Amino acid sequence: MACYLSHAKTGGYSGALGLAEDTSDAAVACRQVGPITFKDKIDKQDEVFNARSSFLFKHVRVVRMVDVKRNTLVYLVYSDKIIEGSPKNSVTAVPVPTNQAVPPCSSTAILC
């Protein structure tokens, strides 16, 4: 599986120095590009990526969720701090082949 993330970056001198506040615009797209395999059980919801998008506080985060009923992996990208404008997010879903069930979540997961 391959996931592609796009998020706005502020340019100029302050952007280059990492001092500018990036907007909350982000998008994610995930596609199956080969066989899907699972090494271990996975949680129903887990943060799989995060990157800083401002000097101090703001991050862009990608969360993976499992839709057990539809045997699908769902990915959501969002910003954890809104500076101006409305919150923006994006979601994508990758169905797991019907002959392969997503492994049940680990016993230590809160959402199991």
N, C-alpha and C. Protein backbone atom coordinates (compact mmCIF):
# COMPACT_ATOMS: atom_id res chain seq x y z
N MET A 1 0.85 -1.16 0.00
CA MET A 1 0.00 0.00 0.00
C MET A 1 0.90 1.23 0.00
N ALA A 2 0.45 2.25 -0.70
CA ALA A 2 1.18 3.51 -0.75
C ALA A 2 0.22 4.64 -0.40
N CYS A 3 0.68 5.55 0.45
CA CYS A 3 -0.11 6.73 0.82
C CYS A 3 0.66 7.98 0.41
N TYR A 4 -0.08 8.95 -0.10
CA TYR A 4 0.51 10.19 -0.56
C TYR A 4 -0.15 11.33 0.20
N LEU A 5 0.66 12.20 0.77
CA LEU A 5 0.18 13.30 1.60
C LEU A 5 0.58 14.63 0.97
N SER A 6 -0.36 15.53 0.95
CA SER A 6 -0.11 16.89 0.48
C SER A 6 -0.57 17.85 1.55
N HIS A 7 0.28 18.80 1.92
CA HIS A 7 -0.14 19.84 2.85
C HIS A 7 0.55 21.15 2.51
N ALA A 8 -0.16 22.24 2.77
CA ALA A 8 0.30 23.57 2.40
C ALA A 8 1.54 23.96 3.20
N LYS A 9 2.51 24.55 2.52
CA LYS A 9 3.71 25.07 3.18
C LYS A 9 3.83 26.56 2.84
N THR A 10 4.07 27.38 3.85
CA THR A 10 4.23 28.82 3.65
C THR A 10 5.62 29.11 3.11
N GLY A 11 5.67 29.94 2.09
CA GLY A 11 6.95 30.29 1.48
C GLY A 11 7.54 31.55 2.08
N GLY A 12 8.46 32.13 1.36
CA GLY A 12 9.11 33.37 1.80
C GLY A 12 10.18 33.10 2.85
N TYR A 13 10.72 34.19 3.39
CA TYR A 13 11.79 34.06 4.37
C TYR A 13 11.31 33.39 5.65
N SER A 14 10.14 33.80 6.14
CA SER A 14 9.65 33.22 7.39
C SER A 14 9.31 31.74 7.21
N GLY A 15 8.82 31.37 6.02
CA GLY A 15 8.55 29.95 5.75
C GLY A 15 9.83 29.15 5.68
N ALA A 16 10.85 29.71 5.03
CA ALA A 16 12.13 29.02 4.91
C ALA A 16 12.81 28.84 6.26
N LEU A 17 12.61 29.78 7.16
CA LEU A 17 13.21 29.68 8.49
C LEU A 17 12.37 28.84 9.45
N GLY A 18 11.19 28.44 9.01
CA GLY A 18 10.32 27.64 9.87
C GLY A 18 9.55 28.46 10.88
N LEU A 19 9.44 29.76 10.66
CA LEU A 19 8.75 30.63 11.61
C LEU A 19 7.32 30.93 11.21
N ALA A 20 6.95 30.65 9.97
CA ALA A 20 5.61 30.97 9.47
C ALA A 20 4.63 29.87 9.88
N GLU A 21 3.39 30.26 10.01
CA GLU A 21 2.31 29.33 10.35
C GLU A 21 1.70 28.82 9.05
N ASP A 22 1.79 27.51 8.79
CA ASP A 22 1.18 26.94 7.60
C ASP A 22 -0.33 26.86 7.79
N THR A 23 -1.07 26.91 6.68
CA THR A 23 -2.52 26.76 6.76
C THR A 23 -2.87 25.32 7.12
N SER A 24 -4.14 25.08 7.34
CA SER A 24 -4.60 23.74 7.73
C SER A 24 -5.02 22.91 6.53
N ASP A 25 -4.66 23.29 5.33
CA ASP A 25 -5.02 22.54 4.13
C ASP A 25 -4.17 21.27 4.03
N ALA A 26 -4.84 20.13 3.84
CA ALA A 26 -4.12 18.87 3.69
C ALA A 26 -4.99 17.87 2.95
N ALA A 27 -4.35 16.93 2.28
CA ALA A 27 -5.06 15.87 1.57
C ALA A 27 -4.24 14.59 1.66
N VAL A 28 -4.91 13.45 1.67
CA VAL A 28 -4.25 12.16 1.68
C VAL A 28 -4.94 11.25 0.67
N ALA A 29 -4.13 10.43 -0.01
CA ALA A 29 -4.66 9.43 -0.93
C ALA A 29 -3.85 8.16 -0.73
N CYS A 30 -4.52 7.05 -0.47
CA CYS A 30 -3.85 5.76 -0.29
C CYS A 30 -4.38 4.78 -1.32
N ARG A 31 -3.50 3.97 -1.87
CA ARG A 31 -3.87 2.99 -2.89
C ARG A 31 -3.16 1.67 -2.62
N GLN A 32 -3.82 0.59 -2.97
CA GLN A 32 -3.18 -0.72 -2.91
C GLN A 32 -2.33 -0.86 -4.15
N VAL A 33 -1.03 -1.07 -3.96
CA VAL A 33 -0.11 -1.19 -5.10
C VAL A 33 0.52 -2.58 -5.16
N GLY A 34 0.11 -3.45 -4.28
CA GLY A 34 0.60 -4.82 -4.21
C GLY A 34 -0.21 -5.56 -3.18
N PRO A 35 0.19 -6.79 -2.87
CA PRO A 35 -0.55 -7.55 -1.86
C PRO A 35 -0.49 -6.84 -0.49
N ILE A 36 -1.61 -6.83 0.21
CA ILE A 36 -1.65 -6.26 1.56
C ILE A 36 -1.34 -7.37 2.55
N THR A 37 -0.33 -7.13 3.39
CA THR A 37 0.02 -8.11 4.43
C THR A 37 0.05 -7.40 5.77
N PHE A 38 -0.23 -8.14 6.81
CA PHE A 38 -0.20 -7.62 8.17
C PHE A 38 0.82 -8.42 8.96
N LYS A 39 1.77 -7.74 9.59
CA LYS A 39 2.77 -8.41 10.41
C LYS A 39 2.22 -8.80 11.77
N ASP A 40 1.25 -8.03 12.24
CA ASP A 40 0.72 -8.23 13.58
C ASP A 40 -0.70 -7.67 13.61
N LYS A 41 -1.34 -7.82 14.74
CA LYS A 41 -2.66 -7.23 14.93
C LYS A 41 -2.53 -5.72 14.91
N ILE A 42 -3.57 -5.03 14.44
CA ILE A 42 -3.51 -3.57 14.40
C ILE A 42 -4.67 -2.99 15.22
N ASP A 43 -4.47 -1.79 15.72
CA ASP A 43 -5.49 -1.11 16.50
C ASP A 43 -6.59 -0.60 15.57
N LYS A 44 -7.79 -0.44 16.13
CA LYS A 44 -8.90 0.10 15.34
C LYS A 44 -8.64 1.54 14.92
N GLN A 45 -7.83 2.26 15.68
CA GLN A 45 -7.46 3.64 15.34
C GLN A 45 -6.04 3.88 15.82
N ASP A 46 -5.19 4.40 14.93
CA ASP A 46 -3.79 4.60 15.29
C ASP A 46 -3.21 5.74 14.46
N GLU A 47 -2.45 6.63 15.10
CA GLU A 47 -1.76 7.67 14.35
C GLU A 47 -0.56 7.04 13.66
N VAL A 48 -0.50 7.17 12.33
CA VAL A 48 0.55 6.51 11.57
C VAL A 48 1.59 7.50 11.02
N PHE A 49 1.29 8.81 11.11
CA PHE A 49 2.24 9.83 10.64
C PHE A 49 1.92 11.14 11.31
N ASN A 50 2.96 11.91 11.61
CA ASN A 50 2.75 13.29 12.04
C ASN A 50 3.98 14.10 11.69
N ALA A 51 3.75 15.34 11.29
CA ALA A 51 4.83 16.24 10.92
C ALA A 51 4.50 17.63 11.44
N ARG A 52 5.52 18.32 11.93
CA ARG A 52 5.32 19.68 12.43
C ARG A 52 5.06 20.62 11.26
N SER A 53 4.06 21.50 11.43
CA SER A 53 3.77 22.47 10.37
C SER A 53 3.83 23.91 10.88
N SER A 54 4.36 24.09 12.07
CA SER A 54 4.67 25.43 12.57
C SER A 54 5.84 25.31 13.53
N PHE A 55 6.40 26.44 13.90
CA PHE A 55 7.59 26.45 14.74
C PHE A 55 7.36 25.79 16.10
N LEU A 56 6.20 25.98 16.69
CA LEU A 56 6.00 25.48 18.04
C LEU A 56 4.94 24.38 18.18
N PHE A 57 3.72 24.62 17.73
CA PHE A 57 2.63 23.77 18.18
C PHE A 57 1.92 22.94 17.12
N LYS A 58 1.78 23.43 15.93
CA LYS A 58 0.88 22.83 14.95
C LYS A 58 1.50 21.62 14.26
N HIS A 59 0.70 20.55 14.10
CA HIS A 59 1.14 19.35 13.41
C HIS A 59 0.11 18.92 12.38
N VAL A 60 0.57 18.27 11.34
CA VAL A 60 -0.29 17.58 10.39
C VAL A 60 -0.24 16.11 10.79
N ARG A 61 -1.39 15.50 10.99
CA ARG A 61 -1.45 14.12 11.47
C ARG A 61 -2.25 13.24 10.52
N VAL A 62 -1.82 11.99 10.38
CA VAL A 62 -2.55 11.00 9.62
C VAL A 62 -2.92 9.87 10.57
N VAL A 63 -4.21 9.55 10.61
CA VAL A 63 -4.72 8.50 11.48
C VAL A 63 -5.28 7.38 10.60
N ARG A 64 -4.92 6.13 10.95
CA ARG A 64 -5.49 4.97 10.26
C ARG A 64 -6.59 4.38 11.13
N MET A 65 -7.74 4.14 10.55
CA MET A 65 -8.85 3.50 11.26
C MET A 65 -9.25 2.24 10.50
N VAL A 66 -9.78 1.26 11.22
CA VAL A 66 -10.21 0.02 10.61
C VAL A 66 -11.73 -0.02 10.61
N ASP A 67 -12.31 -0.17 9.43
CA ASP A 67 -13.75 -0.39 9.29
C ASP A 67 -13.93 -1.90 9.19
N VAL A 68 -14.16 -2.54 10.34
CA VAL A 68 -14.23 -3.99 10.41
C VAL A 68 -15.38 -4.52 9.56
N LYS A 69 -16.52 -3.87 9.63
CA LYS A 69 -17.71 -4.32 8.91
C LYS A 69 -17.46 -4.41 7.40
N ARG A 70 -16.70 -3.47 6.86
CA ARG A 70 -16.44 -3.43 5.42
C ARG A 70 -15.04 -3.93 5.04
N ASN A 71 -14.27 -4.41 6.04
CA ASN A 71 -12.92 -4.92 5.83
C ASN A 71 -12.08 -3.90 5.05
N THR A 72 -12.06 -2.67 5.58
CA THR A 72 -11.43 -1.55 4.89
C THR A 72 -10.54 -0.76 5.84
N LEU A 73 -9.43 -0.26 5.33
CA LEU A 73 -8.55 0.64 6.07
C LEU A 73 -8.88 2.07 5.64
N VAL A 74 -9.13 2.94 6.60
CA VAL A 74 -9.50 4.32 6.33
C VAL A 74 -8.40 5.22 6.87
N TYR A 75 -7.97 6.19 6.07
CA TYR A 75 -6.92 7.13 6.48
C TYR A 75 -7.49 8.54 6.48
N LEU A 76 -7.24 9.27 7.56
CA LEU A 76 -7.71 10.64 7.74
C LEU A 76 -6.50 11.53 8.00
N VAL A 77 -6.42 12.66 7.29
CA VAL A 77 -5.38 13.65 7.56
C VAL A 77 -6.05 14.90 8.08
N TYR A 78 -5.43 15.51 9.10
CA TYR A 78 -5.97 16.74 9.69
C TYR A 78 -4.85 17.51 10.37
N SER A 79 -5.15 18.77 10.67
CA SER A 79 -4.23 19.61 11.43
C SER A 79 -4.76 19.70 12.85
N ASP A 80 -3.87 19.62 13.82
CA ASP A 80 -4.33 19.59 15.22
C ASP A 80 -4.49 20.97 15.85
N LYS A 81 -4.24 22.04 15.11
CA LYS A 81 -4.43 23.39 15.65
C LYS A 81 -4.87 24.31 14.52
N ILE A 82 -6.01 24.93 14.69
CA ILE A 82 -6.54 25.84 13.68
C ILE A 82 -6.15 27.26 14.06
N ILE A 83 -5.44 27.93 13.17
CA ILE A 83 -5.01 29.31 13.43
C ILE A 83 -6.01 30.29 12.84
N GLU A 84 -6.35 30.12 11.59
CA GLU A 84 -7.36 30.96 10.97
C GLU A 84 -8.09 30.14 9.91
N GLY A 85 -9.34 30.47 9.69
CA GLY A 85 -10.13 29.72 8.72
C GLY A 85 -10.76 28.49 9.36
N SER A 86 -11.45 27.73 8.55
CA SER A 86 -12.12 26.55 9.07
C SER A 86 -11.19 25.35 9.02
N PRO A 87 -11.45 24.35 9.87
CA PRO A 87 -10.61 23.15 9.85
C PRO A 87 -10.79 22.41 8.54
N LYS A 88 -9.71 21.89 8.03
CA LYS A 88 -9.77 21.14 6.79
C LYS A 88 -9.19 19.76 7.04
N ASN A 89 -9.77 18.77 6.39
CA ASN A 89 -9.26 17.41 6.52
C ASN A 89 -9.56 16.66 5.23
N SER A 90 -9.04 15.47 5.13
CA SER A 90 -9.25 14.65 3.95
C SER A 90 -9.26 13.20 4.40
N VAL A 91 -10.03 12.38 3.70
CA VAL A 91 -10.13 10.97 4.06
C VAL A 91 -10.01 10.13 2.79
N THR A 92 -9.43 8.96 2.93
CA THR A 92 -9.34 7.99 1.83
C THR A 92 -9.52 6.60 2.42
N ALA A 93 -9.98 5.67 1.61
CA ALA A 93 -10.24 4.31 2.10
C ALA A 93 -9.64 3.30 1.13
N VAL A 94 -9.08 2.23 1.71
CA VAL A 94 -8.51 1.14 0.91
C VAL A 94 -9.17 -0.16 1.34
N PRO A 95 -9.98 -0.75 0.46
CA PRO A 95 -10.59 -2.03 0.82
C PRO A 95 -9.55 -3.14 0.82
N VAL A 96 -9.61 -3.99 1.82
CA VAL A 96 -8.74 -5.16 1.90
C VAL A 96 -9.46 -6.28 1.14
N PRO A 97 -8.74 -7.08 0.35
CA PRO A 97 -9.41 -8.15 -0.40
C PRO A 97 -10.30 -9.02 0.50
N THR A 98 -11.44 -9.43 -0.04
CA THR A 98 -12.42 -10.17 0.76
C THR A 98 -11.90 -11.50 1.29
N ASN A 99 -10.91 -12.08 0.65
CA ASN A 99 -10.36 -13.35 1.15
C ASN A 99 -9.32 -13.15 2.25
N GLN A 100 -9.11 -11.91 2.68
CA GLN A 100 -8.13 -11.59 3.72
C GLN A 100 -8.76 -10.60 4.70
N ALA A 101 -9.02 -11.06 5.90
CA ALA A 101 -9.60 -10.17 6.91
C ALA A 101 -8.52 -9.34 7.58
N VAL A 102 -8.87 -8.10 7.93
CA VAL A 102 -7.97 -7.28 8.73
C VAL A 102 -7.84 -7.96 10.08
N PRO A 103 -6.59 -8.18 10.57
CA PRO A 103 -6.44 -8.89 11.85
C PRO A 103 -7.08 -8.10 12.99
N PRO A 104 -7.66 -8.81 13.95
CA PRO A 104 -8.29 -8.11 15.08
C PRO A 104 -7.28 -7.23 15.80
N CYS A 105 -7.79 -6.19 16.43
CA CYS A 105 -6.89 -5.25 17.09
C CYS A 105 -6.22 -5.91 18.29
N SER A 106 -5.08 -5.33 18.66
CA SER A 106 -4.30 -5.88 19.76
C SER A 106 -5.05 -5.75 21.07
N SER A 107 -4.75 -6.62 21.99
CA SER A 107 -5.47 -6.65 23.28
C SER A 107 -5.18 -5.43 24.14
N THR A 108 -4.10 -4.70 23.84
CA THR A 108 -3.77 -3.51 24.62
C THR A 108 -4.44 -2.25 24.09
N ALA A 109 -5.13 -2.36 22.97
CA ALA A 109 -5.75 -1.17 22.36
C ALA A 109 -6.95 -0.72 23.18
N ILE A 110 -7.10 0.57 23.29
CA ILE A 110 -8.21 1.15 24.05
C ILE A 110 -9.54 0.91 23.36
N LEU A 111 -9.57 0.93 22.03
CA LEU A 111 -10.82 0.85 21.30
C LEU A 111 -11.28 -0.56 20.99
N CYS A 112 -10.61 -1.56 21.47
CA CYS A 112 -11.01 -2.95 21.17
C CYS A 112 -12.21 -3.36 21.98
